[in-house]
ModelCIF file with pLDDT and N, C-alpha, C, O atoms, coordinates in Angstrom:
data_MODEL
#
_entry.id   MODEL 
#
_entity.id                         1 
_entity.type                       polymer 
_entity.pdbx_number_of_molecules   1 
#
_entity_poly.entity_id                      1 
_entity_poly.type                           'polypeptide(L)' 
_entity_poly.nstd_linkage                   no 
_entity_poly.nstd_monomer                   no 
_entity_poly.pdbx_seq_one_letter_code       TTSTASSDDTPPDNLTQEENPATATITVTAVEIPELTEQEISDRLH 
_entity_poly.pdbx_seq_one_letter_code_can   TTSTASSDDTPPDNLTQEENPATATITVTAVEIPELTEQEISDRLH 
_entity_poly.pdbx_strand_id                 A 
#
loop_
_entity_poly_seq.entity_id 
_entity_poly_seq.num 
_entity_poly_seq.mon_id 
_entity_poly_seq.hetero 
1 1  THR n 
1 2  THR n 
1 3  SER n 
1 4  THR n 
1 5  ALA n 
1 6  SER n 
1 7  SER n 
1 8  ASP n 
1 9  ASP n 
1 10 THR n 
1 11 PRO n 
1 12 PRO n 
1 13 ASP n 
1 14 ASN n 
1 15 LEU n 
1 16 THR n 
1 17 GLN n 
1 18 GLU n 
1 19 GLU n 
1 20 ASN n 
1 21 PRO n 
1 22 ALA n 
1 23 THR n 
1 24 ALA n 
1 25 THR n 
1 26 ILE n 
1 27 THR n 
1 28 VAL n 
1 29 THR n 
1 30 ALA n 
1 31 VAL n 
1 32 GLU n 
1 33 ILE n 
1 34 PRO n 
1 35 GLU n 
1 36 LEU n 
1 37 THR n 
1 38 GLU n 
1 39 GLN n 
1 40 GLU n 
1 41 ILE n 
1 42 SER n 
1 43 ASP n 
1 44 ARG n 
1 45 LEU n 
1 46 HIS n 
#
_struct_asym.id          A 
_struct_asym.entity_id   1 
#
loop_
_ma_qa_metric.id 
_ma_qa_metric.mode 
_ma_qa_metric.name 
_ma_qa_metric.software_group_id 
_ma_qa_metric.type 
1 global pLDDT . pLDDT 
2 local  pLDDT . pLDDT 
#
_ma_qa_metric_global.metric_id      1 
_ma_qa_metric_global.metric_value   74.39 
_ma_qa_metric_global.model_id       1 
_ma_qa_metric_global.ordinal_id     1 
#
loop_
_ma_qa_metric_local.label_asym_id 
_ma_qa_metric_local.label_comp_id 
_ma_qa_metric_local.label_seq_id 
_ma_qa_metric_local.metric_id 
_ma_qa_metric_local.metric_value 
_ma_qa_metric_local.model_id 
_ma_qa_metric_local.ordinal_id 
A THR 1  2 50.00 1 1  
A THR 2  2 48.00 1 2  
A SER 3  2 48.00 1 3  
A THR 4  2 51.00 1 4  
A ALA 5  2 49.00 1 5  
A SER 6  2 47.00 1 6  
A SER 7  2 50.00 1 7  
A ASP 8  2 54.00 1 8  
A ASP 9  2 57.00 1 9  
A THR 10 2 57.00 1 10 
A PRO 11 2 56.00 1 11 
A PRO 12 2 58.00 1 12 
A ASP 13 2 58.00 1 13 
A ASN 14 2 55.00 1 14 
A LEU 15 2 53.00 1 15 
A THR 16 2 54.00 1 16 
A GLN 17 2 53.00 1 17 
A GLU 18 2 54.00 1 18 
A GLU 19 2 64.00 1 19 
A ASN 20 2 70.00 1 20 
A PRO 21 2 70.00 1 21 
A ALA 22 2 79.00 1 22 
A THR 23 2 82.00 1 23 
A ALA 24 2 83.00 1 24 
A THR 25 2 86.00 1 25 
A ILE 26 2 88.00 1 26 
A THR 27 2 89.00 1 27 
A VAL 28 2 88.00 1 28 
A THR 29 2 89.00 1 29 
A ALA 30 2 89.00 1 30 
A VAL 31 2 88.00 1 31 
A GLU 32 2 90.00 1 32 
A ILE 33 2 89.00 1 33 
A PRO 34 2 90.00 1 34 
A GLU 35 2 93.00 1 35 
A LEU 36 2 92.00 1 36 
A THR 37 2 95.00 1 37 
A GLU 38 2 95.00 1 38 
A GLN 39 2 96.00 1 39 
A GLU 40 2 95.00 1 40 
A ILE 41 2 95.00 1 41 
A SER 42 2 95.00 1 42 
A ASP 43 2 95.00 1 43 
A ARG 44 2 95.00 1 44 
A LEU 45 2 95.00 1 45 
A HIS 46 2 95.00 1 46 
#
loop_
_atom_site.group_PDB 
_atom_site.id 
_atom_site.type_symbol 
_atom_site.label_atom_id 
_atom_site.label_alt_id 
_atom_site.label_comp_id 
_atom_site.label_asym_id 
_atom_site.label_entity_id 
_atom_site.label_seq_id 
_atom_site.pdbx_PDB_ins_code 
_atom_site.Cartn_x 
_atom_site.Cartn_y 
_atom_site.Cartn_z 
_atom_site.occupancy 
_atom_site.B_iso_or_equiv 
_atom_site.pdbx_formal_charge 
_atom_site.auth_seq_id 
_atom_site.auth_comp_id 
_atom_site.auth_asym_id 
_atom_site.auth_atom_id 
_atom_site.pdbx_PDB_model_num 
ATOM 1   N N  . THR A 1 1  ? 34.353 32.984 2.748  1.00 50.00 ? 1  THR A N  1 
ATOM 2   C CA . THR A 1 1  ? 35.211 33.957 3.183  1.00 50.00 ? 1  THR A CA 1 
ATOM 3   C C  . THR A 1 1  ? 35.206 35.303 2.215  1.00 50.00 ? 1  THR A C  1 
ATOM 4   O O  . THR A 1 1  ? 35.296 35.363 0.989  1.00 50.00 ? 1  THR A O  1 
ATOM 5   N N  . THR A 1 2  ? 35.096 36.167 3.013  1.00 48.00 ? 2  THR A N  1 
ATOM 6   C CA . THR A 1 2  ? 34.678 37.432 2.105  1.00 48.00 ? 2  THR A CA 1 
ATOM 7   C C  . THR A 1 2  ? 35.933 38.294 2.450  1.00 48.00 ? 2  THR A C  1 
ATOM 8   O O  . THR A 1 2  ? 36.327 38.193 3.612  1.00 48.00 ? 2  THR A O  1 
ATOM 9   N N  . SER A 1 3  ? 36.563 39.057 1.685  1.00 48.00 ? 3  SER A N  1 
ATOM 10  C CA . SER A 1 3  ? 37.931 40.041 1.568  1.00 48.00 ? 3  SER A CA 1 
ATOM 11  C C  . SER A 1 3  ? 37.385 41.210 2.468  1.00 48.00 ? 3  SER A C  1 
ATOM 12  O O  . SER A 1 3  ? 36.217 41.590 2.380  1.00 48.00 ? 3  SER A O  1 
ATOM 13  N N  . THR A 1 4  ? 38.226 41.717 3.270  1.00 51.00 ? 4  THR A N  1 
ATOM 14  C CA . THR A 1 4  ? 37.768 42.917 3.983  1.00 51.00 ? 4  THR A CA 1 
ATOM 15  C C  . THR A 1 4  ? 37.759 44.246 3.097  1.00 51.00 ? 4  THR A C  1 
ATOM 16  O O  . THR A 1 4  ? 37.043 45.246 3.152  1.00 51.00 ? 4  THR A O  1 
ATOM 17  N N  . ALA A 1 5  ? 38.862 43.873 2.225  1.00 49.00 ? 5  ALA A N  1 
ATOM 18  C CA . ALA A 1 5  ? 38.819 45.319 1.464  1.00 49.00 ? 5  ALA A CA 1 
ATOM 19  C C  . ALA A 1 5  ? 37.769 44.913 0.079  1.00 49.00 ? 5  ALA A C  1 
ATOM 20  O O  . ALA A 1 5  ? 37.891 43.963 -0.693 1.00 49.00 ? 5  ALA A O  1 
ATOM 21  N N  . SER A 1 6  ? 36.804 45.914 0.091  1.00 47.00 ? 6  SER A N  1 
ATOM 22  C CA . SER A 1 6  ? 35.970 45.913 -0.884 1.00 47.00 ? 6  SER A CA 1 
ATOM 23  C C  . SER A 1 6  ? 35.783 47.285 -1.511 1.00 47.00 ? 6  SER A C  1 
ATOM 24  O O  . SER A 1 6  ? 36.201 48.277 -0.914 1.00 47.00 ? 6  SER A O  1 
ATOM 25  N N  . SER A 1 7  ? 35.194 47.383 -2.654 1.00 50.00 ? 7  SER A N  1 
ATOM 26  C CA . SER A 1 7  ? 34.938 48.842 -3.467 1.00 50.00 ? 7  SER A CA 1 
ATOM 27  C C  . SER A 1 7  ? 34.000 49.778 -2.576 1.00 50.00 ? 7  SER A C  1 
ATOM 28  O O  . SER A 1 7  ? 34.286 50.970 -2.470 1.00 50.00 ? 7  SER A O  1 
ATOM 29  N N  . ASP A 1 8  ? 32.979 49.292 -1.992 1.00 54.00 ? 8  ASP A N  1 
ATOM 30  C CA . ASP A 1 8  ? 32.368 49.981 -1.174 1.00 54.00 ? 8  ASP A CA 1 
ATOM 31  C C  . ASP A 1 8  ? 32.468 49.780 0.376  1.00 54.00 ? 8  ASP A C  1 
ATOM 32  O O  . ASP A 1 8  ? 33.207 48.857 0.718  1.00 54.00 ? 8  ASP A O  1 
ATOM 33  N N  . ASP A 1 9  ? 31.927 50.398 1.245  1.00 57.00 ? 9  ASP A N  1 
ATOM 34  C CA . ASP A 1 9  ? 32.127 50.357 2.764  1.00 57.00 ? 9  ASP A CA 1 
ATOM 35  C C  . ASP A 1 9  ? 30.890 49.493 3.389  1.00 57.00 ? 9  ASP A C  1 
ATOM 36  O O  . ASP A 1 9  ? 30.849 49.462 4.619  1.00 57.00 ? 9  ASP A O  1 
ATOM 37  N N  . THR A 1 10 ? 30.138 48.969 2.856  1.00 57.00 ? 10 THR A N  1 
ATOM 38  C CA . THR A 1 10 ? 28.922 48.144 3.228  1.00 57.00 ? 10 THR A CA 1 
ATOM 39  C C  . THR A 1 10 ? 29.599 46.779 3.661  1.00 57.00 ? 10 THR A C  1 
ATOM 40  O O  . THR A 1 10 ? 30.192 46.086 2.834  1.00 57.00 ? 10 THR A O  1 
ATOM 41  N N  . PRO A 1 11 ? 29.466 46.364 5.219  1.00 56.00 ? 11 PRO A N  1 
ATOM 42  C CA . PRO A 1 11 ? 29.820 45.127 5.479  1.00 56.00 ? 11 PRO A CA 1 
ATOM 43  C C  . PRO A 1 11 ? 29.131 44.069 4.794  1.00 56.00 ? 11 PRO A C  1 
ATOM 44  O O  . PRO A 1 11 ? 28.003 44.318 4.370  1.00 56.00 ? 11 PRO A O  1 
ATOM 45  N N  . PRO A 1 12 ? 29.669 42.825 4.600  1.00 58.00 ? 12 PRO A N  1 
ATOM 46  C CA . PRO A 1 12 ? 28.707 41.757 4.328  1.00 58.00 ? 12 PRO A CA 1 
ATOM 47  C C  . PRO A 1 12 ? 27.757 41.270 5.007  1.00 58.00 ? 12 PRO A C  1 
ATOM 48  O O  . PRO A 1 12 ? 27.772 41.718 6.153  1.00 58.00 ? 12 PRO A O  1 
ATOM 49  N N  . ASP A 1 13 ? 26.841 40.467 4.791  1.00 58.00 ? 13 ASP A N  1 
ATOM 50  C CA . ASP A 1 13 ? 25.575 40.333 5.510  1.00 58.00 ? 13 ASP A CA 1 
ATOM 51  C C  . ASP A 1 13 ? 25.848 39.892 7.038  1.00 58.00 ? 13 ASP A C  1 
ATOM 52  O O  . ASP A 1 13 ? 25.237 40.369 7.994  1.00 58.00 ? 13 ASP A O  1 
ATOM 53  N N  . ASN A 1 14 ? 26.799 38.967 7.117  1.00 55.00 ? 14 ASN A N  1 
ATOM 54  C CA . ASN A 1 14 ? 27.193 38.388 8.439  1.00 55.00 ? 14 ASN A CA 1 
ATOM 55  C C  . ASN A 1 14 ? 27.902 39.328 9.497  1.00 55.00 ? 14 ASN A C  1 
ATOM 56  O O  . ASN A 1 14 ? 27.974 39.084 10.702 1.00 55.00 ? 14 ASN A O  1 
ATOM 57  N N  . LEU A 1 15 ? 28.381 40.365 8.900  1.00 53.00 ? 15 LEU A N  1 
ATOM 58  C CA . LEU A 1 15 ? 29.393 41.371 9.656  1.00 53.00 ? 15 LEU A CA 1 
ATOM 59  C C  . LEU A 1 15 ? 28.423 42.617 9.938  1.00 53.00 ? 15 LEU A C  1 
ATOM 60  O O  . LEU A 1 15 ? 27.665 43.082 9.086  1.00 53.00 ? 15 LEU A O  1 
ATOM 61  N N  . THR A 1 16 ? 28.541 43.058 11.153 1.00 54.00 ? 16 THR A N  1 
ATOM 62  C CA . THR A 1 16 ? 28.156 44.209 11.497 1.00 54.00 ? 16 THR A CA 1 
ATOM 63  C C  . THR A 1 16 ? 29.306 45.187 11.866 1.00 54.00 ? 16 THR A C  1 
ATOM 64  O O  . THR A 1 16 ? 30.199 44.777 12.607 1.00 54.00 ? 16 THR A O  1 
ATOM 65  N N  . GLN A 1 17 ? 29.332 46.394 11.413 1.00 53.00 ? 17 GLN A N  1 
ATOM 66  C CA . GLN A 1 17 ? 30.209 47.530 11.496 1.00 53.00 ? 17 GLN A CA 1 
ATOM 67  C C  . GLN A 1 17 ? 30.122 48.151 12.727 1.00 53.00 ? 17 GLN A C  1 
ATOM 68  O O  . GLN A 1 17 ? 28.993 48.579 12.964 1.00 53.00 ? 17 GLN A O  1 
ATOM 69  N N  . GLU A 1 18 ? 30.997 48.349 13.641 1.00 54.00 ? 18 GLU A N  1 
ATOM 70  C CA . GLU A 1 18 ? 31.107 49.109 14.758 1.00 54.00 ? 18 GLU A CA 1 
ATOM 71  C C  . GLU A 1 18 ? 31.656 50.448 14.544 1.00 54.00 ? 18 GLU A C  1 
ATOM 72  O O  . GLU A 1 18 ? 31.952 50.781 13.397 1.00 54.00 ? 18 GLU A O  1 
ATOM 73  N N  . GLU A 1 19 ? 31.841 51.336 15.626 1.00 64.00 ? 19 GLU A N  1 
ATOM 74  C CA . GLU A 1 19 ? 32.520 52.669 15.808 1.00 64.00 ? 19 GLU A CA 1 
ATOM 75  C C  . GLU A 1 19 ? 33.749 52.170 15.386 1.00 64.00 ? 19 GLU A C  1 
ATOM 76  O O  . GLU A 1 19 ? 34.119 52.759 14.370 1.00 64.00 ? 19 GLU A O  1 
ATOM 77  N N  . ASN A 1 20 ? 34.679 51.150 15.842 1.00 70.00 ? 20 ASN A N  1 
ATOM 78  C CA . ASN A 1 20 ? 35.879 50.812 15.645 1.00 70.00 ? 20 ASN A CA 1 
ATOM 79  C C  . ASN A 1 20 ? 35.895 49.975 14.310 1.00 70.00 ? 20 ASN A C  1 
ATOM 80  O O  . ASN A 1 20 ? 35.436 48.833 14.328 1.00 70.00 ? 20 ASN A O  1 
ATOM 81  N N  . PRO A 1 21 ? 36.408 50.510 13.159 1.00 70.00 ? 21 PRO A N  1 
ATOM 82  C CA . PRO A 1 21 ? 36.499 49.753 11.933 1.00 70.00 ? 21 PRO A CA 1 
ATOM 83  C C  . PRO A 1 21 ? 37.479 48.371 12.037 1.00 70.00 ? 21 PRO A C  1 
ATOM 84  O O  . PRO A 1 21 ? 37.735 47.526 11.179 1.00 70.00 ? 21 PRO A O  1 
ATOM 85  N N  . ALA A 1 22 ? 37.835 48.472 13.183 1.00 79.00 ? 22 ALA A N  1 
ATOM 86  C CA . ALA A 1 22 ? 38.985 47.046 13.181 1.00 79.00 ? 22 ALA A CA 1 
ATOM 87  C C  . ALA A 1 22 ? 38.203 45.965 13.844 1.00 79.00 ? 22 ALA A C  1 
ATOM 88  O O  . ALA A 1 22 ? 38.645 44.817 13.900 1.00 79.00 ? 22 ALA A O  1 
ATOM 89  N N  . THR A 1 23 ? 37.050 46.306 14.350 1.00 82.00 ? 23 THR A N  1 
ATOM 90  C CA . THR A 1 23 ? 36.213 45.221 14.978 1.00 82.00 ? 23 THR A CA 1 
ATOM 91  C C  . THR A 1 23 ? 34.998 44.757 14.051 1.00 82.00 ? 23 THR A C  1 
ATOM 92  O O  . THR A 1 23 ? 34.520 45.524 13.215 1.00 82.00 ? 23 THR A O  1 
ATOM 93  N N  . ALA A 1 24 ? 34.594 43.649 14.216 1.00 83.00 ? 24 ALA A N  1 
ATOM 94  C CA . ALA A 1 24 ? 33.342 43.266 13.592 1.00 83.00 ? 24 ALA A CA 1 
ATOM 95  C C  . ALA A 1 24 ? 32.686 42.216 14.315 1.00 83.00 ? 24 ALA A C  1 
ATOM 96  O O  . ALA A 1 24 ? 33.354 41.625 15.164 1.00 83.00 ? 24 ALA A O  1 
ATOM 97  N N  . THR A 1 25 ? 31.315 41.834 14.099 1.00 86.00 ? 25 THR A N  1 
ATOM 98  C CA . THR A 1 25 ? 30.748 40.951 14.814 1.00 86.00 ? 25 THR A CA 1 
ATOM 99  C C  . THR A 1 25 ? 30.259 39.806 13.782 1.00 86.00 ? 25 THR A C  1 
ATOM 100 O O  . THR A 1 25 ? 29.512 40.068 12.839 1.00 86.00 ? 25 THR A O  1 
ATOM 101 N N  . ILE A 1 26 ? 30.725 38.587 14.037 1.00 88.00 ? 26 ILE A N  1 
ATOM 102 C CA . ILE A 1 26 ? 30.466 37.363 12.917 1.00 88.00 ? 26 ILE A CA 1 
ATOM 103 C C  . ILE A 1 26 ? 29.534 36.468 13.701 1.00 88.00 ? 26 ILE A C  1 
ATOM 104 O O  . ILE A 1 26 ? 29.819 36.042 14.821 1.00 88.00 ? 26 ILE A O  1 
ATOM 105 N N  . THR A 1 27 ? 28.292 36.174 12.998 1.00 89.00 ? 27 THR A N  1 
ATOM 106 C CA . THR A 1 27 ? 27.529 35.269 13.279 1.00 89.00 ? 27 THR A CA 1 
ATOM 107 C C  . THR A 1 27 ? 27.897 33.722 12.808 1.00 89.00 ? 27 THR A C  1 
ATOM 108 O O  . THR A 1 27 ? 28.270 33.476 11.661 1.00 89.00 ? 27 THR A O  1 
ATOM 109 N N  . VAL A 1 28 ? 27.775 32.902 13.639 1.00 88.00 ? 28 VAL A N  1 
ATOM 110 C CA . VAL A 1 28 ? 28.382 31.446 13.385 1.00 88.00 ? 28 VAL A CA 1 
ATOM 111 C C  . VAL A 1 28 ? 27.145 30.593 13.782 1.00 88.00 ? 28 VAL A C  1 
ATOM 112 O O  . VAL A 1 28 ? 26.560 30.673 14.863 1.00 88.00 ? 28 VAL A O  1 
ATOM 113 N N  . THR A 1 29 ? 26.850 29.814 12.811 1.00 89.00 ? 29 THR A N  1 
ATOM 114 C CA . THR A 1 29 ? 25.741 28.626 13.026 1.00 89.00 ? 29 THR A CA 1 
ATOM 115 C C  . THR A 1 29 ? 26.185 27.433 13.639 1.00 89.00 ? 29 THR A C  1 
ATOM 116 O O  . THR A 1 29 ? 27.051 26.789 13.047 1.00 89.00 ? 29 THR A O  1 
ATOM 117 N N  . ALA A 1 30 ? 25.728 27.003 14.769 1.00 89.00 ? 30 ALA A N  1 
ATOM 118 C CA . ALA A 1 30 ? 26.129 25.769 15.488 1.00 89.00 ? 30 ALA A CA 1 
ATOM 119 C C  . ALA A 1 30 ? 25.655 24.517 14.898 1.00 89.00 ? 30 ALA A C  1 
ATOM 120 O O  . ALA A 1 30 ? 24.450 24.533 14.642 1.00 89.00 ? 30 ALA A O  1 
ATOM 121 N N  . VAL A 1 31 ? 26.117 23.715 14.686 1.00 88.00 ? 31 VAL A N  1 
ATOM 122 C CA . VAL A 1 31 ? 25.844 22.400 14.047 1.00 88.00 ? 31 VAL A CA 1 
ATOM 123 C C  . VAL A 1 31 ? 25.947 21.216 15.425 1.00 88.00 ? 31 VAL A C  1 
ATOM 124 O O  . VAL A 1 31 ? 27.006 20.935 15.986 1.00 88.00 ? 31 VAL A O  1 
ATOM 125 N N  . GLU A 1 32 ? 24.862 20.753 15.712 1.00 90.00 ? 32 GLU A N  1 
ATOM 126 C CA . GLU A 1 32 ? 24.549 19.805 16.679 1.00 90.00 ? 32 GLU A CA 1 
ATOM 127 C C  . GLU A 1 32 ? 25.053 18.477 16.171 1.00 90.00 ? 32 GLU A C  1 
ATOM 128 O O  . GLU A 1 32 ? 24.819 18.118 15.017 1.00 90.00 ? 32 GLU A O  1 
ATOM 129 N N  . ILE A 1 33 ? 25.880 17.598 17.193 1.00 89.00 ? 33 ILE A N  1 
ATOM 130 C CA . ILE A 1 33 ? 26.550 16.428 16.784 1.00 89.00 ? 33 ILE A CA 1 
ATOM 131 C C  . ILE A 1 33 ? 25.540 15.481 17.276 1.00 89.00 ? 33 ILE A C  1 
ATOM 132 O O  . ILE A 1 33 ? 25.059 15.688 18.390 1.00 89.00 ? 33 ILE A O  1 
ATOM 133 N N  . PRO A 1 34 ? 25.157 14.468 16.586 1.00 90.00 ? 34 PRO A N  1 
ATOM 134 C CA . PRO A 1 34 ? 24.257 13.422 17.160 1.00 90.00 ? 34 PRO A CA 1 
ATOM 135 C C  . PRO A 1 34 ? 25.049 12.592 18.033 1.00 90.00 ? 34 PRO A C  1 
ATOM 136 O O  . PRO A 1 34 ? 26.244 12.437 17.782 1.00 90.00 ? 34 PRO A O  1 
ATOM 137 N N  . GLU A 1 35 ? 24.421 11.950 19.198 1.00 93.00 ? 35 GLU A N  1 
ATOM 138 C CA . GLU A 1 35 ? 25.193 10.985 20.058 1.00 93.00 ? 35 GLU A CA 1 
ATOM 139 C C  . GLU A 1 35 ? 25.316 9.698  19.310 1.00 93.00 ? 35 GLU A C  1 
ATOM 140 O O  . GLU A 1 35 ? 24.636 9.473  18.309 1.00 93.00 ? 35 GLU A O  1 
ATOM 141 N N  . LEU A 1 36 ? 26.222 8.818  19.819 1.00 92.00 ? 36 LEU A N  1 
ATOM 142 C CA . LEU A 1 36 ? 26.631 7.587  18.930 1.00 92.00 ? 36 LEU A CA 1 
ATOM 143 C C  . LEU A 1 36 ? 25.482 6.689  19.329 1.00 92.00 ? 36 LEU A C  1 
ATOM 144 O O  . LEU A 1 36 ? 24.931 6.676  20.429 1.00 92.00 ? 36 LEU A O  1 
ATOM 145 N N  . THR A 1 37 ? 25.176 5.872  18.181 1.00 95.00 ? 37 THR A N  1 
ATOM 146 C CA . THR A 1 37 ? 24.382 4.899  18.350 1.00 95.00 ? 37 THR A CA 1 
ATOM 147 C C  . THR A 1 37 ? 24.849 3.560  19.195 1.00 95.00 ? 37 THR A C  1 
ATOM 148 O O  . THR A 1 37 ? 26.057 3.604  19.426 1.00 95.00 ? 37 THR A O  1 
ATOM 149 N N  . GLU A 1 38 ? 24.343 2.642  19.601 1.00 95.00 ? 38 GLU A N  1 
ATOM 150 C CA . GLU A 1 38 ? 24.723 1.619  20.463 1.00 95.00 ? 38 GLU A CA 1 
ATOM 151 C C  . GLU A 1 38 ? 25.632 0.719  19.587 1.00 95.00 ? 38 GLU A C  1 
ATOM 152 O O  . GLU A 1 38 ? 26.525 0.026  20.076 1.00 95.00 ? 38 GLU A O  1 
ATOM 153 N N  . GLN A 1 39 ? 25.346 0.775  18.239 1.00 96.00 ? 39 GLN A N  1 
ATOM 154 C CA . GLN A 1 39 ? 26.002 -0.060 17.248 1.00 96.00 ? 39 GLN A CA 1 
ATOM 155 C C  . GLN A 1 39 ? 27.299 0.647  17.141 1.00 96.00 ? 39 GLN A C  1 
ATOM 156 O O  . GLN A 1 39 ? 28.310 -0.054 17.101 1.00 96.00 ? 39 GLN A O  1 
ATOM 157 N N  . GLU A 1 40 ? 27.431 2.113  17.082 1.00 95.00 ? 40 GLU A N  1 
ATOM 158 C CA . GLU A 1 40 ? 28.627 2.941  16.885 1.00 95.00 ? 40 GLU A CA 1 
ATOM 159 C C  . GLU A 1 40 ? 29.515 2.903  18.214 1.00 95.00 ? 40 GLU A C  1 
ATOM 160 O O  . GLU A 1 40 ? 30.713 3.181  18.162 1.00 95.00 ? 40 GLU A O  1 
ATOM 161 N N  . ILE A 1 41 ? 28.995 2.613  19.187 1.00 95.00 ? 41 ILE A N  1 
ATOM 162 C CA . ILE A 1 41 ? 29.819 2.511  20.621 1.00 95.00 ? 41 ILE A CA 1 
ATOM 163 C C  . ILE A 1 41 ? 30.304 1.126  20.304 1.00 95.00 ? 41 ILE A C  1 
ATOM 164 O O  . ILE A 1 41 ? 31.522 1.015  20.441 1.00 95.00 ? 41 ILE A O  1 
ATOM 165 N N  . SER A 1 42 ? 29.667 0.027  19.911 1.00 95.00 ? 42 SER A N  1 
ATOM 166 C CA . SER A 1 42 ? 30.250 -1.143 20.077 1.00 95.00 ? 42 SER A CA 1 
ATOM 167 C C  . SER A 1 42 ? 31.350 -1.282 18.863 1.00 95.00 ? 42 SER A C  1 
ATOM 168 O O  . SER A 1 42 ? 32.355 -1.977 19.006 1.00 95.00 ? 42 SER A O  1 
ATOM 169 N N  . ASP A 1 43 ? 31.105 -0.654 17.817 1.00 95.00 ? 43 ASP A N  1 
ATOM 170 C CA . ASP A 1 43 ? 32.154 -0.551 16.772 1.00 95.00 ? 43 ASP A CA 1 
ATOM 171 C C  . ASP A 1 43 ? 33.359 0.041  17.278 1.00 95.00 ? 43 ASP A C  1 
ATOM 172 O O  . ASP A 1 43 ? 34.460 -0.485 17.117 1.00 95.00 ? 43 ASP A O  1 
ATOM 173 N N  . ARG A 1 44 ? 33.132 1.396  18.040 1.00 95.00 ? 44 ARG A N  1 
ATOM 174 C CA . ARG A 1 44 ? 34.470 2.256  18.490 1.00 95.00 ? 44 ARG A CA 1 
ATOM 175 C C  . ARG A 1 44 ? 35.193 1.413  19.536 1.00 95.00 ? 44 ARG A C  1 
ATOM 176 O O  . ARG A 1 44 ? 36.424 1.405  19.494 1.00 95.00 ? 44 ARG A O  1 
ATOM 177 N N  . LEU A 1 45 ? 34.427 0.552  20.666 1.00 95.00 ? 45 LEU A N  1 
ATOM 178 C CA . LEU A 1 45 ? 35.185 -0.205 21.297 1.00 95.00 ? 45 LEU A CA 1 
ATOM 179 C C  . LEU A 1 45 ? 35.973 -1.376 20.924 1.00 95.00 ? 45 LEU A C  1 
ATOM 180 O O  . LEU A 1 45 ? 36.937 -1.826 21.543 1.00 95.00 ? 45 LEU A O  1 
ATOM 181 N N  . HIS A 1 46 ? 35.385 -1.884 19.690 1.00 95.00 ? 46 HIS A N  1 
ATOM 182 C CA . HIS A 1 46 ? 36.245 -3.067 18.795 1.00 95.00 ? 46 HIS A CA 1 
ATOM 183 C C  . HIS A 1 46 ? 37.445 -2.483 18.282 1.00 95.00 ? 46 HIS A C  1 
ATOM 184 O O  . HIS A 1 46 ? 38.219 -3.158 17.604 1.00 95.00 ? 46 HIS A O  1 
#
């Protein structure tokens, strides 16, 4: 987490400053969740 108050006005790497200083674009990396294996399905049912 990066504080919005900093000594200079350059945004952090994952933020893009727009005309309105109250808005920002944040890039989020999605993580793929693997499907359950047959054994995991069996364990869950149990």
